[in-house]
N, C-alpha and C. Protein backbone atom coordinates (compact mmCIF):
# COMPACT_ATOMS: atom_id res chain seq x y z
N MET A 1 -10.64 9.13 -1.98
CA MET A 1 -9.58 8.16 -1.80
C MET A 1 -8.48 8.79 -0.95
N HIS A 2 -7.99 8.02 -0.01
CA HIS A 2 -6.93 8.48 0.88
C HIS A 2 -5.58 8.24 0.21
N LYS A 3 -4.61 9.09 0.49
CA LYS A 3 -3.31 9.01 -0.18
C LYS A 3 -2.19 8.81 0.83
N LEU A 4 -1.18 8.07 0.37
CA LEU A 4 0.02 7.85 1.16
C LEU A 4 1.21 7.88 0.21
N ASP A 5 2.15 8.78 0.46
CA ASP A 5 3.37 8.85 -0.33
C ASP A 5 4.49 8.20 0.48
N ALA A 6 4.87 6.99 0.06
CA ALA A 6 5.94 6.27 0.75
C ALA A 6 7.21 6.25 -0.09
N THR A 7 7.32 7.18 -1.05
CA THR A 7 8.54 7.24 -1.84
C THR A 7 9.70 7.69 -0.96
N GLY A 8 10.86 7.13 -1.25
CA GLY A 8 12.04 7.45 -0.46
C GLY A 8 12.20 6.59 0.78
N LEU A 9 11.22 5.75 1.07
CA LEU A 9 11.27 4.88 2.25
C LEU A 9 11.65 3.47 1.83
N LEU A 10 12.47 2.82 2.63
CA LEU A 10 12.90 1.46 2.35
C LEU A 10 12.18 0.47 3.24
N CYS A 11 12.17 -0.77 2.81
CA CYS A 11 11.54 -1.88 3.53
C CYS A 11 12.00 -1.88 4.98
N PRO A 12 11.12 -2.01 5.91
CA PRO A 12 9.69 -2.32 5.83
C PRO A 12 8.78 -1.09 5.95
N LEU A 13 9.34 0.11 5.88
CA LEU A 13 8.57 1.32 6.17
C LEU A 13 7.34 1.54 5.27
N PRO A 14 7.39 1.29 3.96
CA PRO A 14 6.16 1.50 3.17
C PRO A 14 4.98 0.67 3.67
N VAL A 15 5.24 -0.59 4.00
CA VAL A 15 4.16 -1.46 4.49
C VAL A 15 3.72 -1.03 5.89
N LEU A 16 4.65 -0.66 6.74
CA LEU A 16 4.28 -0.22 8.09
C LEU A 16 3.43 1.04 8.05
N LYS A 17 3.78 1.98 7.17
CA LYS A 17 2.98 3.20 7.04
C LYS A 17 1.61 2.91 6.45
N ALA A 18 1.55 1.98 5.49
CA ALA A 18 0.26 1.58 4.92
C ALA A 18 -0.62 0.95 6.00
N ARG A 19 -0.05 0.07 6.81
CA ARG A 19 -0.81 -0.58 7.89
C ARG A 19 -1.38 0.46 8.86
N LYS A 20 -0.55 1.40 9.25
CA LYS A 20 -0.99 2.44 10.19
C LYS A 20 -2.11 3.29 9.58
N ARG A 21 -1.96 3.68 8.30
CA ARG A 21 -2.98 4.51 7.66
C ARG A 21 -4.28 3.74 7.50
N LEU A 22 -4.20 2.46 7.12
CA LEU A 22 -5.41 1.65 6.93
C LEU A 22 -6.17 1.46 8.24
N GLN A 23 -5.48 1.42 9.37
CA GLN A 23 -6.15 1.25 10.66
C GLN A 23 -7.15 2.37 10.93
N SER A 24 -6.86 3.56 10.44
CA SER A 24 -7.74 4.70 10.72
C SER A 24 -8.87 4.84 9.70
N LEU A 25 -8.88 3.99 8.67
CA LEU A 25 -9.91 4.09 7.63
C LEU A 25 -11.09 3.19 7.95
N ASP A 26 -12.20 3.47 7.30
CA ASP A 26 -13.39 2.63 7.42
C ASP A 26 -13.31 1.48 6.42
N ILE A 27 -13.98 0.38 6.72
CA ILE A 27 -14.03 -0.75 5.80
C ILE A 27 -14.60 -0.27 4.47
N GLY A 28 -13.93 -0.65 3.39
CA GLY A 28 -14.35 -0.24 2.05
C GLY A 28 -13.63 0.99 1.54
N ASP A 29 -13.00 1.76 2.45
CA ASP A 29 -12.21 2.91 2.01
C ASP A 29 -10.99 2.42 1.24
N ARG A 30 -10.50 3.26 0.35
CA ARG A 30 -9.35 2.90 -0.46
C ARG A 30 -8.16 3.82 -0.18
N LEU A 31 -6.99 3.21 -0.21
CA LEU A 31 -5.73 3.92 0.00
C LEU A 31 -4.94 3.90 -1.30
N HIS A 32 -4.56 5.07 -1.78
CA HIS A 32 -3.71 5.23 -2.97
C HIS A 32 -2.30 5.45 -2.43
N MET A 33 -1.44 4.46 -2.66
CA MET A 33 -0.09 4.52 -2.10
C MET A 33 0.95 4.54 -3.21
N ARG A 34 1.94 5.42 -3.06
CA ARG A 34 3.08 5.48 -3.98
C ARG A 34 4.32 5.03 -3.22
N ALA A 35 5.14 4.20 -3.87
CA ALA A 35 6.37 3.72 -3.26
C ALA A 35 7.42 3.53 -4.35
N ASP A 36 8.68 3.67 -3.97
CA ASP A 36 9.74 3.43 -4.94
C ASP A 36 10.77 2.42 -4.44
N ASP A 37 10.46 1.76 -3.34
CA ASP A 37 11.32 0.71 -2.82
C ASP A 37 11.14 -0.54 -3.70
N PRO A 38 12.22 -1.07 -4.29
CA PRO A 38 12.08 -2.24 -5.14
C PRO A 38 11.42 -3.44 -4.44
N ALA A 39 11.57 -3.54 -3.13
CA ALA A 39 10.98 -4.66 -2.39
C ALA A 39 9.46 -4.52 -2.24
N ALA A 40 8.93 -3.33 -2.48
CA ALA A 40 7.49 -3.10 -2.31
C ALA A 40 6.66 -3.97 -3.25
N VAL A 41 7.20 -4.32 -4.41
CA VAL A 41 6.44 -5.14 -5.36
C VAL A 41 6.15 -6.52 -4.78
N ILE A 42 6.95 -6.95 -3.82
CA ILE A 42 6.71 -8.21 -3.12
C ILE A 42 5.99 -7.95 -1.80
N ASP A 43 6.45 -6.95 -1.08
CA ASP A 43 5.94 -6.68 0.27
C ASP A 43 4.47 -6.25 0.31
N VAL A 44 4.06 -5.36 -0.58
CA VAL A 44 2.70 -4.83 -0.53
C VAL A 44 1.66 -5.91 -0.83
N PRO A 45 1.81 -6.69 -1.91
CA PRO A 45 0.83 -7.77 -2.14
C PRO A 45 0.81 -8.79 -0.99
N HIS A 46 1.99 -9.11 -0.45
CA HIS A 46 2.06 -10.05 0.67
C HIS A 46 1.34 -9.48 1.90
N PHE A 47 1.58 -8.20 2.18
CA PHE A 47 0.90 -7.54 3.30
C PHE A 47 -0.62 -7.61 3.13
N CYS A 48 -1.10 -7.31 1.94
CA CYS A 48 -2.56 -7.34 1.69
C CYS A 48 -3.11 -8.74 1.89
N ALA A 49 -2.42 -9.74 1.36
CA ALA A 49 -2.88 -11.13 1.50
C ALA A 49 -2.90 -11.55 2.97
N GLN A 50 -1.89 -11.18 3.73
CA GLN A 50 -1.80 -11.58 5.13
C GLN A 50 -2.78 -10.84 6.02
N SER A 51 -3.06 -9.58 5.70
CA SER A 51 -3.92 -8.76 6.56
C SER A 51 -5.38 -8.79 6.13
N GLY A 52 -5.65 -9.37 4.95
CA GLY A 52 -7.03 -9.47 4.49
C GLY A 52 -7.52 -8.27 3.70
N HIS A 53 -6.66 -7.30 3.45
CA HIS A 53 -7.04 -6.16 2.63
C HIS A 53 -6.98 -6.56 1.16
N LYS A 54 -7.72 -5.83 0.33
CA LYS A 54 -7.80 -6.17 -1.08
C LYS A 54 -6.91 -5.24 -1.90
N LEU A 55 -5.96 -5.83 -2.64
CA LEU A 55 -5.13 -5.05 -3.55
C LEU A 55 -5.91 -4.89 -4.84
N ILE A 56 -6.46 -3.71 -5.05
CA ILE A 56 -7.32 -3.43 -6.20
C ILE A 56 -6.49 -3.27 -7.46
N GLU A 57 -5.38 -2.56 -7.35
CA GLU A 57 -4.58 -2.28 -8.53
C GLU A 57 -3.13 -2.06 -8.13
N SER A 58 -2.23 -2.45 -9.04
CA SER A 58 -0.80 -2.24 -8.85
C SER A 58 -0.24 -1.80 -10.20
N LEU A 59 0.34 -0.62 -10.24
CA LEU A 59 0.86 -0.05 -11.49
C LEU A 59 2.30 0.39 -11.31
N GLN A 60 3.02 0.44 -12.42
CA GLN A 60 4.37 0.98 -12.41
C GLN A 60 4.35 2.31 -13.16
N ASP A 61 4.86 3.37 -12.53
CA ASP A 61 4.94 4.69 -13.15
C ASP A 61 6.40 5.13 -13.09
N GLY A 62 7.18 4.75 -14.09
CA GLY A 62 8.61 5.02 -14.06
C GLY A 62 9.25 4.19 -12.96
N ASP A 63 9.94 4.85 -12.03
CA ASP A 63 10.57 4.15 -10.91
C ASP A 63 9.64 4.00 -9.71
N THR A 64 8.42 4.48 -9.84
CA THR A 64 7.47 4.48 -8.73
C THR A 64 6.36 3.46 -8.96
N GLN A 65 6.04 2.74 -7.90
CA GLN A 65 4.89 1.83 -7.95
C GLN A 65 3.69 2.52 -7.32
N ILE A 66 2.53 2.26 -7.88
CA ILE A 66 1.28 2.82 -7.35
C ILE A 66 0.39 1.65 -6.97
N TYR A 67 -0.13 1.70 -5.76
CA TYR A 67 -0.99 0.65 -5.25
C TYR A 67 -2.32 1.25 -4.81
N ILE A 68 -3.40 0.58 -5.14
CA ILE A 68 -4.72 0.93 -4.63
C ILE A 68 -5.13 -0.22 -3.73
N ILE A 69 -5.30 0.07 -2.45
CA ILE A 69 -5.61 -0.95 -1.45
C ILE A 69 -6.95 -0.62 -0.83
N GLU A 70 -7.86 -1.60 -0.80
CA GLU A 70 -9.16 -1.41 -0.17
C GLU A 70 -9.15 -2.07 1.20
N LYS A 71 -9.56 -1.31 2.20
CA LYS A 71 -9.57 -1.86 3.56
C LYS A 71 -10.71 -2.87 3.70
N SER A 72 -10.35 -4.01 4.25
CA SER A 72 -11.33 -5.05 4.56
C SER A 72 -11.42 -5.19 6.07
N ALA A 73 -12.29 -6.05 6.51
CA ALA A 73 -12.47 -6.26 7.95
C ALA A 73 -11.21 -6.69 8.58
C-alpha cells in the first residue's frame, strides 16, 4: 500500500497531493492517506466520487483522518 502524509496541509492541498500520487499508481493500487485538515472529511470523499476512485475506508484517529483510496480507471 502506498502512503501519503498530508498532515499540516490545508485545503485544497491534501486532495491535490492525493490526485498527483494516484496518477502514478496502477489501477487497483491503494493509497493510505493521513490528513488533519477539517475540510478533508468533505473534500476527500467528494474528490473520490468526482474522479471515480473508490474510497475504501475513512477513519478518525484523534485529530487525524485516515483514508484508504483505491485507484480506479
